[in-house]
Amino acid sequence: MKGCRALTRNEIRAVLSLNDNKRNNALVAVGFATGYRISELLSLRIKDVADIHGRIFDNVHVAHTKNGSGRSVSLNSTAKKALAKRVSELFKGGFNMDTPIFGGRTNQGLKAITRQMGAKIIKRLFELAKVIGGKLATHSLRKTFAAKMKDIFKSDYHKIQQALGHKSIVSTMAYMSVDDDEIQSAIAAVSY
């Protein structure tokens, strides 16, 4: 989403430290860790993240991505812990391997929440964590992941492109926020 901003390290910690509920905690933890779009996150089922004993996989795979090719991403320990708690909760509730990880109760059982509900949840979590300023939305999770990849890969846009699952480097370039202070400092440092 154009204009959404990435969260700072302190803002990420504030959001992840919330003890809201297992579903919502897992939603933001996996979003920050994988850079999946909200629709990709909401498509995840237990079988995508865990075995029948509730052991969380090292990688999570989304088959239906925006570019159609699917994408696997390694999970960090924070995302694994949050998913383990959520999967355990779902198994205790009697749900099976096809159950959506990020579901809400309906008359028919548990159904994946909508993108709109995901947006409301994330907005509320940002408010609870006192994350303010700039445009914040579900895509802020993905933008935060992209910013972290930029730091790790030292602005190697081809690696960042692969991490984000973009078909085009142009899409990746659009994700990278330009820091005016960084540009001004660089210009000021030029000497002849």
N, C-alpha and C. Protein backbone atom coordinates (compact mmCIF):
# COMPACT_ATOMS: atom_id res chain seq x y z
N MET A 1 0.85 -1.17 0.00
CA MET A 1 0.00 0.00 0.00
C MET A 1 0.89 1.23 0.00
N LYS A 2 0.68 2.08 -0.96
CA LYS A 2 1.50 3.27 -1.12
C LYS A 2 1.33 4.20 0.08
N GLY A 3 2.44 4.65 0.59
CA GLY A 3 2.41 5.61 1.68
C GLY A 3 2.49 5.02 3.06
N CYS A 4 2.27 3.72 3.21
CA CYS A 4 2.40 3.10 4.53
C CYS A 4 3.84 3.17 4.97
N ARG A 5 4.04 3.29 6.25
CA ARG A 5 5.41 3.36 6.74
C ARG A 5 5.78 2.10 7.51
N ALA A 6 7.08 1.89 7.57
CA ALA A 6 7.62 0.80 8.37
C ALA A 6 7.66 1.24 9.83
N LEU A 7 7.63 0.28 10.72
CA LEU A 7 7.73 0.58 12.15
C LEU A 7 9.19 0.57 12.58
N THR A 8 9.47 1.34 13.61
CA THR A 8 10.82 1.34 14.18
C THR A 8 10.99 0.11 15.06
N ARG A 9 12.23 -0.16 15.43
CA ARG A 9 12.52 -1.31 16.30
C ARG A 9 11.73 -1.23 17.61
N ASN A 10 11.67 -0.04 18.22
CA ASN A 10 10.93 0.12 19.47
C ASN A 10 9.42 -0.07 19.27
N GLU A 11 8.91 0.39 18.14
CA GLU A 11 7.49 0.20 17.85
C GLU A 11 7.17 -1.28 17.64
N ILE A 12 8.06 -1.99 16.94
CA ILE A 12 7.86 -3.42 16.73
C ILE A 12 7.82 -4.13 18.08
N ARG A 13 8.77 -3.81 18.93
CA ARG A 13 8.81 -4.44 20.26
C ARG A 13 7.55 -4.14 21.06
N ALA A 14 7.06 -2.90 20.96
CA ALA A 14 5.85 -2.52 21.69
C ALA A 14 4.65 -3.34 21.21
N VAL A 15 4.53 -3.51 19.90
CA VAL A 15 3.41 -4.29 19.35
C VAL A 15 3.54 -5.76 19.74
N LEU A 16 4.76 -6.31 19.62
CA LEU A 16 4.96 -7.72 19.93
C LEU A 16 4.83 -8.02 21.43
N SER A 17 5.01 -7.01 22.27
CA SER A 17 4.91 -7.24 23.71
C SER A 17 3.47 -7.22 24.22
N LEU A 18 2.53 -6.83 23.36
CA LEU A 18 1.13 -6.83 23.77
C LEU A 18 0.67 -8.25 24.05
N ASN A 19 -0.17 -8.40 25.03
CA ASN A 19 -0.74 -9.71 25.32
C ASN A 19 -2.22 -9.65 24.99
N ASP A 20 -2.52 -9.47 23.71
CA ASP A 20 -3.89 -9.29 23.27
C ASP A 20 -4.62 -10.63 23.27
N ASN A 21 -4.39 -11.44 22.27
CA ASN A 21 -4.86 -12.82 22.25
C ASN A 21 -3.95 -13.59 21.31
N LYS A 22 -4.00 -14.89 21.36
CA LYS A 22 -3.04 -15.72 20.62
C LYS A 22 -3.16 -15.51 19.11
N ARG A 23 -4.37 -15.37 18.60
CA ARG A 23 -4.54 -15.15 17.16
C ARG A 23 -3.91 -13.84 16.72
N ASN A 24 -4.24 -12.77 17.41
CA ASN A 24 -3.74 -11.45 17.02
C ASN A 24 -2.24 -11.33 17.22
N ASN A 25 -1.73 -11.91 18.31
CA ASN A 25 -0.29 -11.89 18.54
C ASN A 25 0.44 -12.63 17.43
N ALA A 26 -0.10 -13.78 17.02
CA ALA A 26 0.53 -14.55 15.94
C ALA A 26 0.44 -13.80 14.62
N LEU A 27 -0.66 -13.12 14.38
CA LEU A 27 -0.83 -12.37 13.13
C LEU A 27 0.28 -11.34 12.93
N VAL A 28 0.54 -10.53 13.95
CA VAL A 28 1.58 -9.50 13.78
C VAL A 28 2.97 -10.12 13.81
N ALA A 29 3.19 -11.13 14.64
CA ALA A 29 4.52 -11.76 14.70
C ALA A 29 4.89 -12.38 13.36
N VAL A 30 3.95 -13.10 12.75
CA VAL A 30 4.22 -13.72 11.46
C VAL A 30 4.31 -12.66 10.36
N GLY A 31 3.50 -11.63 10.45
CA GLY A 31 3.57 -10.54 9.46
C GLY A 31 4.91 -9.84 9.47
N PHE A 32 5.41 -9.50 10.65
CA PHE A 32 6.72 -8.86 10.75
C PHE A 32 7.84 -9.80 10.30
N ALA A 33 7.70 -11.09 10.58
CA ALA A 33 8.76 -12.05 10.30
C ALA A 33 8.84 -12.51 8.85
N THR A 34 7.71 -12.45 8.13
CA THR A 34 7.68 -13.02 6.78
C THR A 34 7.51 -11.99 5.68
N GLY A 35 6.92 -10.86 5.99
CA GLY A 35 6.64 -9.88 4.95
C GLY A 35 5.50 -10.30 4.03
N TYR A 36 4.71 -11.28 4.46
CA TYR A 36 3.56 -11.67 3.65
C TYR A 36 2.52 -10.56 3.64
N ARG A 37 1.81 -10.45 2.53
CA ARG A 37 0.69 -9.52 2.43
C ARG A 37 -0.42 -10.04 3.34
N ILE A 38 -1.35 -9.17 3.71
CA ILE A 38 -2.42 -9.56 4.63
C ILE A 38 -3.24 -10.72 4.04
N SER A 39 -3.51 -10.69 2.75
CA SER A 39 -4.29 -11.78 2.14
C SER A 39 -3.51 -13.10 2.21
N GLU A 40 -2.20 -13.05 2.10
CA GLU A 40 -1.37 -14.25 2.20
C GLU A 40 -1.36 -14.78 3.63
N LEU A 41 -1.25 -13.88 4.60
CA LEU A 41 -1.30 -14.29 6.01
C LEU A 41 -2.62 -14.97 6.33
N LEU A 42 -3.70 -14.37 5.86
CA LEU A 42 -5.03 -14.88 6.20
C LEU A 42 -5.35 -16.20 5.50
N SER A 43 -4.56 -16.55 4.49
CA SER A 43 -4.78 -17.83 3.80
C SER A 43 -4.12 -19.00 4.53
N LEU A 44 -3.28 -18.73 5.52
CA LEU A 44 -2.54 -19.80 6.21
C LEU A 44 -3.47 -20.70 7.02
N ARG A 45 -3.22 -21.98 6.93
CA ARG A 45 -3.94 -23.00 7.67
C ARG A 45 -2.94 -23.73 8.57
N ILE A 46 -3.43 -24.46 9.54
CA ILE A 46 -2.54 -25.17 10.46
C ILE A 46 -1.54 -26.01 9.68
N LYS A 47 -2.01 -26.73 8.65
CA LYS A 47 -1.12 -27.62 7.88
C LYS A 47 0.01 -26.87 7.18
N ASP A 48 -0.12 -25.55 7.02
CA ASP A 48 0.93 -24.74 6.39
C ASP A 48 2.06 -24.40 7.35
N VAL A 49 1.77 -24.48 8.66
CA VAL A 49 2.76 -24.02 9.63
C VAL A 49 3.19 -25.07 10.64
N ALA A 50 2.44 -26.18 10.74
CA ALA A 50 2.73 -27.17 11.79
C ALA A 50 2.40 -28.58 11.33
N ASP A 51 3.01 -29.55 12.04
CA ASP A 51 2.67 -30.95 11.77
C ASP A 51 1.49 -31.35 12.67
N ILE A 52 1.08 -32.61 12.59
CA ILE A 52 -0.11 -33.05 13.34
C ILE A 52 0.10 -33.06 14.85
N HIS A 53 1.36 -32.92 15.28
CA HIS A 53 1.67 -32.88 16.71
C HIS A 53 1.81 -31.44 17.21
N GLY A 54 1.59 -30.48 16.32
CA GLY A 54 1.69 -29.07 16.70
C GLY A 54 3.09 -28.51 16.65
N ARG A 55 4.05 -29.27 16.13
CA ARG A 55 5.42 -28.75 15.99
C ARG A 55 5.46 -27.78 14.81
N ILE A 56 5.96 -26.59 15.07
CA ILE A 56 5.98 -25.54 14.05
C ILE A 56 7.14 -25.79 13.09
N PHE A 57 6.86 -25.64 11.81
CA PHE A 57 7.88 -25.81 10.77
C PHE A 57 8.89 -24.67 10.83
N ASP A 58 10.07 -24.91 10.31
CA ASP A 58 11.09 -23.86 10.22
C ASP A 58 10.74 -22.83 9.16
N ASN A 59 10.01 -23.28 8.13
CA ASN A 59 9.60 -22.41 7.03
C ASN A 59 8.09 -22.47 6.89
N VAL A 60 7.53 -21.38 6.45
CA VAL A 60 6.10 -21.35 6.15
C VAL A 60 5.97 -21.05 4.66
N HIS A 61 5.04 -21.74 4.02
CA HIS A 61 4.86 -21.57 2.57
C HIS A 61 3.43 -21.11 2.29
N VAL A 62 3.33 -20.06 1.50
CA VAL A 62 2.03 -19.60 1.00
C VAL A 62 2.00 -19.94 -0.48
N ALA A 63 1.03 -20.75 -0.87
CA ALA A 63 0.93 -21.20 -2.26
C ALA A 63 0.35 -20.13 -3.18
N HIS A 64 -0.59 -19.36 -2.68
CA HIS A 64 -1.28 -18.39 -3.53
C HIS A 64 -0.84 -16.98 -3.17
N THR A 65 0.18 -16.50 -3.86
CA THR A 65 0.68 -15.15 -3.64
C THR A 65 0.19 -14.24 -4.77
N LYS A 66 0.40 -12.96 -4.60
CA LYS A 66 -0.05 -11.99 -5.60
C LYS A 66 0.54 -12.28 -6.98
N ASN A 67 1.82 -12.67 -7.01
CA ASN A 67 2.44 -12.92 -8.31
C ASN A 67 2.21 -14.35 -8.81
N GLY A 68 1.50 -15.16 -8.01
CA GLY A 68 1.09 -16.48 -8.45
C GLY A 68 2.11 -17.59 -8.30
N SER A 69 3.32 -17.29 -7.84
CA SER A 69 4.36 -18.31 -7.80
C SER A 69 4.51 -18.98 -6.44
N GLY A 70 3.88 -18.47 -5.41
CA GLY A 70 4.07 -19.01 -4.07
C GLY A 70 5.39 -18.53 -3.50
N ARG A 71 5.51 -18.64 -2.18
CA ARG A 71 6.75 -18.17 -1.54
C ARG A 71 6.89 -18.83 -0.19
N SER A 72 8.11 -19.32 0.08
CA SER A 72 8.44 -19.89 1.39
C SER A 72 9.35 -18.94 2.12
N VAL A 73 9.12 -18.80 3.41
CA VAL A 73 9.93 -17.90 4.23
C VAL A 73 10.27 -18.61 5.54
N SER A 74 11.51 -18.46 5.97
CA SER A 74 11.93 -19.01 7.27
C SER A 74 11.26 -18.22 8.38
N LEU A 75 10.95 -18.91 9.45
CA LEU A 75 10.32 -18.27 10.60
C LEU A 75 11.37 -17.99 11.68
N ASN A 76 11.30 -16.82 12.27
CA ASN A 76 12.18 -16.53 13.40
C ASN A 76 11.55 -17.09 14.69
N SER A 77 12.30 -17.03 15.78
CA SER A 77 11.82 -17.63 17.03
C SER A 77 10.56 -16.95 17.56
N THR A 78 10.44 -15.65 17.37
CA THR A 78 9.25 -14.93 17.84
C THR A 78 8.00 -15.43 17.11
N ALA A 79 8.09 -15.56 15.81
CA ALA A 79 6.95 -16.04 15.03
C ALA A 79 6.63 -17.49 15.38
N LYS A 80 7.66 -18.32 15.56
CA LYS A 80 7.43 -19.72 15.91
C LYS A 80 6.72 -19.85 17.25
N LYS A 81 7.14 -19.06 18.24
CA LYS A 81 6.51 -19.12 19.56
C LYS A 81 5.04 -18.69 19.48
N ALA A 82 4.79 -17.61 18.76
CA ALA A 82 3.42 -17.12 18.63
C ALA A 82 2.55 -18.14 17.90
N LEU A 83 3.09 -18.75 16.85
CA LEU A 83 2.33 -19.77 16.12
C LEU A 83 2.11 -21.01 16.97
N ALA A 84 3.11 -21.41 17.75
CA ALA A 84 2.96 -22.59 18.62
C ALA A 84 1.81 -22.39 19.60
N LYS A 85 1.71 -21.20 20.18
CA LYS A 85 0.62 -20.91 21.11
C LYS A 85 -0.73 -20.94 20.39
N ARG A 86 -0.77 -20.37 19.19
CA ARG A 86 -2.03 -20.34 18.44
C ARG A 86 -2.45 -21.74 17.99
N VAL A 87 -1.50 -22.51 17.46
CA VAL A 87 -1.82 -23.86 17.01
C VAL A 87 -2.28 -24.72 18.18
N SER A 88 -1.61 -24.60 19.32
CA SER A 88 -2.01 -25.35 20.51
C SER A 88 -3.44 -24.99 20.91
N GLU A 89 -3.74 -23.71 20.88
CA GLU A 89 -5.09 -23.25 21.21
C GLU A 89 -6.12 -23.85 20.25
N LEU A 90 -5.80 -23.88 18.96
CA LEU A 90 -6.73 -24.42 17.98
C LEU A 90 -6.92 -25.92 18.16
N PHE A 91 -5.83 -26.65 18.41
CA PHE A 91 -5.96 -28.10 18.63
C PHE A 91 -6.78 -28.39 19.89
N LYS A 92 -6.57 -27.60 20.94
CA LYS A 92 -7.36 -27.79 22.17
C LYS A 92 -8.84 -27.54 21.91
N GLY A 93 -9.13 -26.67 20.93
CA GLY A 93 -10.51 -26.37 20.57
C GLY A 93 -11.12 -27.42 19.65
N GLY A 94 -10.33 -28.44 19.31
CA GLY A 94 -10.85 -29.52 18.48
C GLY A 94 -10.77 -29.27 16.98
N PHE A 95 -10.01 -28.28 16.58
CA PHE A 95 -9.91 -27.96 15.16
C PHE A 95 -8.89 -28.85 14.46
N ASN A 96 -9.02 -28.98 13.13
CA ASN A 96 -8.15 -29.88 12.37
C ASN A 96 -7.10 -29.11 11.56
N MET A 97 -6.33 -29.85 10.79
CA MET A 97 -5.21 -29.30 10.04
C MET A 97 -5.63 -28.28 8.97
N ASP A 98 -6.87 -28.32 8.53
CA ASP A 98 -7.35 -27.39 7.51
C ASP A 98 -7.91 -26.09 8.11
N THR A 99 -7.84 -25.97 9.41
CA THR A 99 -8.37 -24.78 10.09
C THR A 99 -7.48 -23.57 9.82
N PRO A 100 -8.10 -22.42 9.49
CA PRO A 100 -7.31 -21.21 9.30
C PRO A 100 -6.63 -20.79 10.62
N ILE A 101 -5.37 -20.40 10.52
CA ILE A 101 -4.64 -19.91 11.70
C ILE A 101 -5.30 -18.63 12.23
N PHE A 102 -5.68 -17.76 11.32
CA PHE A 102 -6.23 -16.47 11.70
C PHE A 102 -7.72 -16.45 11.40
N GLY A 103 -8.45 -17.26 12.17
CA GLY A 103 -9.87 -17.39 11.95
C GLY A 103 -10.69 -16.73 13.04
N GLY A 104 -11.93 -16.54 12.71
CA GLY A 104 -12.92 -16.03 13.66
C GLY A 104 -14.10 -16.98 13.67
N ARG A 105 -14.78 -17.05 14.78
CA ARG A 105 -15.91 -17.98 14.91
C ARG A 105 -17.11 -17.49 14.10
N THR A 106 -17.73 -18.46 13.43
CA THR A 106 -18.98 -18.22 12.71
C THR A 106 -19.92 -19.36 13.08
N ASN A 107 -21.12 -19.33 12.53
CA ASN A 107 -22.07 -20.43 12.76
C ASN A 107 -21.55 -21.74 12.19
N GLN A 108 -20.67 -21.66 11.21
CA GLN A 108 -20.12 -22.85 10.57
C GLN A 108 -18.79 -23.29 11.18
N GLY A 109 -18.38 -22.72 12.29
CA GLY A 109 -17.10 -23.06 12.92
C GLY A 109 -16.14 -21.89 12.87
N LEU A 110 -14.92 -22.17 12.47
CA LEU A 110 -13.90 -21.14 12.39
C LEU A 110 -13.62 -20.83 10.92
N LYS A 111 -13.74 -19.59 10.55
CA LYS A 111 -13.52 -19.16 9.17
C LYS A 111 -12.45 -18.08 9.18
N ALA A 112 -11.59 -18.06 8.14
CA ALA A 112 -10.54 -17.04 8.06
C ALA A 112 -11.17 -15.65 8.16
N ILE A 113 -10.55 -14.80 8.96
CA ILE A 113 -11.05 -13.42 9.06
C ILE A 113 -10.85 -12.73 7.72
N THR A 114 -11.60 -11.69 7.49
CA THR A 114 -11.50 -10.93 6.25
C THR A 114 -10.32 -9.97 6.32
N ARG A 115 -9.94 -9.45 5.17
CA ARG A 115 -8.89 -8.43 5.12
C ARG A 115 -9.29 -7.20 5.94
N GLN A 116 -10.56 -6.86 5.87
CA GLN A 116 -11.05 -5.70 6.62
C GLN A 116 -10.92 -5.93 8.13
N MET A 117 -11.27 -7.14 8.58
CA MET A 117 -11.14 -7.45 10.00
C MET A 117 -9.66 -7.48 10.38
N GLY A 118 -8.81 -8.01 9.52
CA GLY A 118 -7.36 -7.99 9.76
C GLY A 118 -6.85 -6.57 9.93
N ALA A 119 -7.35 -5.68 9.09
CA ALA A 119 -6.96 -4.27 9.17
C ALA A 119 -7.39 -3.65 10.50
N LYS A 120 -8.62 -3.95 10.93
CA LYS A 120 -9.11 -3.43 12.21
C LYS A 120 -8.26 -3.94 13.37
N ILE A 121 -7.92 -5.22 13.33
CA ILE A 121 -7.12 -5.82 14.40
C ILE A 121 -5.75 -5.15 14.47
N ILE A 122 -5.11 -5.02 13.32
CA ILE A 122 -3.76 -4.44 13.29
C ILE A 122 -3.80 -2.97 13.72
N LYS A 123 -4.78 -2.24 13.26
CA LYS A 123 -4.93 -0.84 13.66
C LYS A 123 -5.10 -0.73 15.18
N ARG A 124 -5.92 -1.61 15.75
CA ARG A 124 -6.15 -1.58 17.19
C ARG A 124 -4.87 -1.93 17.96
N LEU A 125 -4.12 -2.91 17.45
CA LEU A 125 -2.86 -3.28 18.11
C LEU A 125 -1.86 -2.12 18.06
N PHE A 126 -1.80 -1.44 16.93
CA PHE A 126 -0.91 -0.28 16.83
C PHE A 126 -1.32 0.80 17.84
N GLU A 127 -2.62 1.02 17.98
CA GLU A 127 -3.11 2.01 18.94
C GLU A 127 -2.77 1.60 20.37
N LEU A 128 -2.98 0.32 20.70
CA LEU A 128 -2.66 -0.17 22.05
C LEU A 128 -1.18 -0.03 22.37
N ALA A 129 -0.34 -0.22 21.35
CA ALA A 129 1.11 -0.11 21.54
C ALA A 129 1.59 1.34 21.42
N LYS A 130 0.65 2.25 21.21
CA LYS A 130 0.95 3.68 21.06
C LYS A 130 1.88 3.96 19.89
N VAL A 131 1.67 3.21 18.80
CA VAL A 131 2.38 3.44 17.55
C VAL A 131 1.55 4.45 16.78
N ILE A 132 2.12 5.64 16.60
CA ILE A 132 1.37 6.73 15.96
C ILE A 132 2.25 7.41 14.92
N GLY A 133 1.63 8.25 14.12
CA GLY A 133 2.37 9.04 13.15
C GLY A 133 2.54 8.32 11.83
N GLY A 134 2.37 9.07 10.76
CA GLY A 134 2.49 8.49 9.44
C GLY A 134 1.31 7.57 9.14
N LYS A 135 1.30 7.05 7.95
CA LYS A 135 0.21 6.16 7.56
C LYS A 135 0.53 4.75 8.02
N LEU A 136 -0.35 4.20 8.84
CA LEU A 136 -0.19 2.85 9.36
C LEU A 136 -1.36 2.00 8.89
N ALA A 137 -1.04 0.82 8.40
CA ALA A 137 -2.08 -0.10 7.92
C ALA A 137 -1.50 -1.51 7.92
N THR A 138 -2.25 -2.46 7.40
CA THR A 138 -1.78 -3.84 7.36
C THR A 138 -0.47 -3.94 6.60
N HIS A 139 -0.31 -3.13 5.58
CA HIS A 139 0.91 -3.20 4.77
C HIS A 139 2.14 -2.69 5.53
N SER A 140 1.92 -2.06 6.68
CA SER A 140 3.06 -1.63 7.51
C SER A 140 3.87 -2.84 7.98
N LEU A 141 3.21 -3.99 8.15
CA LEU A 141 3.93 -5.21 8.52
C LEU A 141 4.92 -5.57 7.42
N ARG A 142 4.45 -5.54 6.18
CA ARG A 142 5.29 -5.87 5.03
C ARG A 142 6.38 -4.83 4.82
N LYS A 143 6.03 -3.56 4.99
CA LYS A 143 7.02 -2.49 4.85
C LYS A 143 8.11 -2.61 5.91
N THR A 144 7.73 -3.02 7.12
CA THR A 144 8.70 -3.22 8.19
C THR A 144 9.66 -4.35 7.83
N PHE A 145 9.13 -5.44 7.29
CA PHE A 145 9.95 -6.55 6.83
C PHE A 145 10.91 -6.07 5.73
N ALA A 146 10.40 -5.30 4.78
CA ALA A 146 11.23 -4.79 3.68
C ALA A 146 12.35 -3.90 4.20
N ALA A 147 12.05 -3.06 5.17
CA ALA A 147 13.08 -2.18 5.75
C ALA A 147 14.17 -3.00 6.44
N LYS A 148 13.77 -4.06 7.12
CA LYS A 148 14.74 -4.94 7.79
C LYS A 148 15.61 -5.64 6.75
N MET A 149 15.00 -6.09 5.66
CA MET A 149 15.77 -6.73 4.58
C MET A 149 16.75 -5.74 3.96
N LYS A 150 16.34 -4.49 3.85
CA LYS A 150 17.24 -3.46 3.29
C LYS A 150 18.47 -3.31 4.18
N ASP A 151 18.27 -3.30 5.49
CA ASP A 151 19.41 -3.20 6.42
C ASP A 151 20.30 -4.43 6.35
N ILE A 152 19.69 -5.60 6.35
CA ILE A 152 20.46 -6.85 6.35
C ILE A 152 21.24 -7.01 5.05
N PHE A 153 20.59 -6.74 3.93
CA PHE A 153 21.22 -6.94 2.62
C PHE A 153 21.98 -5.71 2.13
N LYS A 154 22.10 -4.71 3.00
CA LYS A 154 22.85 -3.50 2.67
C LYS A 154 22.42 -2.92 1.31
N SER A 155 21.12 -2.81 1.16
CA SER A 155 20.48 -2.23 -0.02
C SER A 155 20.73 -3.00 -1.32
N ASP A 156 21.01 -4.30 -1.23
CA ASP A 156 21.10 -5.14 -2.44
C ASP A 156 19.67 -5.44 -2.87
N TYR A 157 19.17 -4.65 -3.81
CA TYR A 157 17.77 -4.70 -4.17
C TYR A 157 17.35 -6.02 -4.82
N HIS A 158 18.27 -6.73 -5.42
CA HIS A 158 17.93 -8.02 -6.01
C HIS A 158 17.62 -9.05 -4.91
N LYS A 159 18.36 -9.00 -3.83
CA LYS A 159 18.08 -9.90 -2.70
C LYS A 159 16.78 -9.50 -2.01
N ILE A 160 16.58 -8.21 -1.87
CA ILE A 160 15.35 -7.72 -1.25
C ILE A 160 14.14 -8.11 -2.11
N GLN A 161 14.29 -8.00 -3.42
CA GLN A 161 13.24 -8.40 -4.35
C GLN A 161 12.86 -9.86 -4.13
N GLN A 162 13.86 -10.71 -3.99
CA GLN A 162 13.61 -12.13 -3.77
C GLN A 162 12.93 -12.36 -2.42
N ALA A 163 13.39 -11.66 -1.38
CA ALA A 163 12.80 -11.82 -0.05
C ALA A 163 11.34 -11.40 -0.02
N LEU A 164 11.00 -10.38 -0.80
CA LEU A 164 9.61 -9.89 -0.84
C LEU A 164 8.74 -10.66 -1.83
N GLY A 165 9.38 -11.45 -2.70
CA GLY A 165 8.62 -12.21 -3.69
C GLY A 165 8.09 -11.36 -4.83
N HIS A 166 8.80 -10.27 -5.13
CA HIS A 166 8.39 -9.42 -6.25
C HIS A 166 8.89 -9.99 -7.57
N LYS A 167 8.08 -9.90 -8.60
CA LYS A 167 8.53 -10.29 -9.94
C LYS A 167 9.43 -9.21 -10.54
N SER A 168 9.15 -7.97 -10.21
CA SER A 168 9.87 -6.85 -10.81
C SER A 168 10.66 -6.08 -9.76
N ILE A 169 11.88 -5.71 -10.12
CA ILE A 169 12.71 -4.89 -9.24
C ILE A 169 12.07 -3.51 -9.04
N VAL A 170 11.27 -3.09 -10.01
CA VAL A 170 10.58 -1.79 -9.90
C VAL A 170 9.65 -1.80 -8.68
N SER A 171 8.96 -2.91 -8.46
CA SER A 171 8.09 -3.02 -7.29
C SER A 171 8.90 -2.92 -6.00
N THR A 172 10.05 -3.56 -6.00
CA THR A 172 10.91 -3.53 -4.82
C THR A 172 11.40 -2.11 -4.55
N MET A 173 11.81 -1.43 -5.59
CA MET A 173 12.30 -0.05 -5.43
C MET A 173 11.21 0.86 -4.86
N ALA A 174 9.97 0.61 -5.25
CA ALA A 174 8.87 1.42 -4.73
C ALA A 174 8.67 1.21 -3.24
N TYR A 175 9.07 0.06 -2.72
CA TYR A 175 8.93 -0.23 -1.29
C TYR A 175 9.94 0.51 -0.44
N MET A 176 11.08 0.79 -1.01
CA MET A 176 12.17 1.35 -0.22
C MET A 176 11.94 2.83 0.03
N SER A 177 11.73 3.15 1.26
CA SER A 177 11.48 4.54 1.64
C SER A 177 12.76 5.35 1.48
N VAL A 178 12.59 6.54 1.02
CA VAL A 178 13.72 7.45 0.90
C VAL A 178 13.74 8.32 2.15
N ASP A 179 14.86 8.31 2.83
CA ASP A 179 15.02 9.09 4.05
C ASP A 179 15.66 10.43 3.70
N ASP A 180 14.86 11.52 3.77
CA ASP A 180 15.35 12.85 3.40
C ASP A 180 16.56 13.26 4.22
N ASP A 181 16.58 12.92 5.51
CA ASP A 181 17.73 13.27 6.35
C ASP A 181 18.99 12.57 5.85
N GLU A 182 18.84 11.31 5.46
CA GLU A 182 19.98 10.54 4.94
C GLU A 182 20.51 11.16 3.65
N ILE A 183 19.60 11.59 2.79
CA ILE A 183 20.00 12.23 1.53
C ILE A 183 20.70 13.54 1.81
N GLN A 184 20.14 14.36 2.70
CA GLN A 184 20.75 15.65 3.02
C GLN A 184 22.12 15.48 3.64
N SER A 185 22.29 14.48 4.51
CA SER A 185 23.59 14.21 5.12
C SER A 185 24.60 13.79 4.07
N ALA A 186 24.16 12.96 3.13
CA ALA A 186 25.06 12.51 2.06
C ALA A 186 25.49 13.68 1.19
N ILE A 187 24.54 14.55 0.85
CA ILE A 187 24.86 15.73 0.02
C ILE A 187 25.83 16.64 0.77
N ALA A 188 25.58 16.84 2.05
CA ALA A 188 26.45 17.70 2.84
C ALA A 188 27.87 17.12 2.98
N ALA A 189 27.99 15.80 2.91
CA ALA A 189 29.30 15.16 3.06
C ALA A 189 30.13 15.20 1.80
N VAL A 190 29.52 15.58 0.66
CA VAL A 190 30.27 15.63 -0.60
C VAL A 190 31.25 16.80 -0.55
N SER A 191 32.50 16.48 -0.83
CA SER A 191 33.51 17.57 -0.93
C SER A 191 34.42 17.27 -2.10
N TYR A 192 34.97 18.34 -2.66
CA TYR A 192 35.84 18.21 -3.82
C TYR A 192 37.21 18.78 -3.53
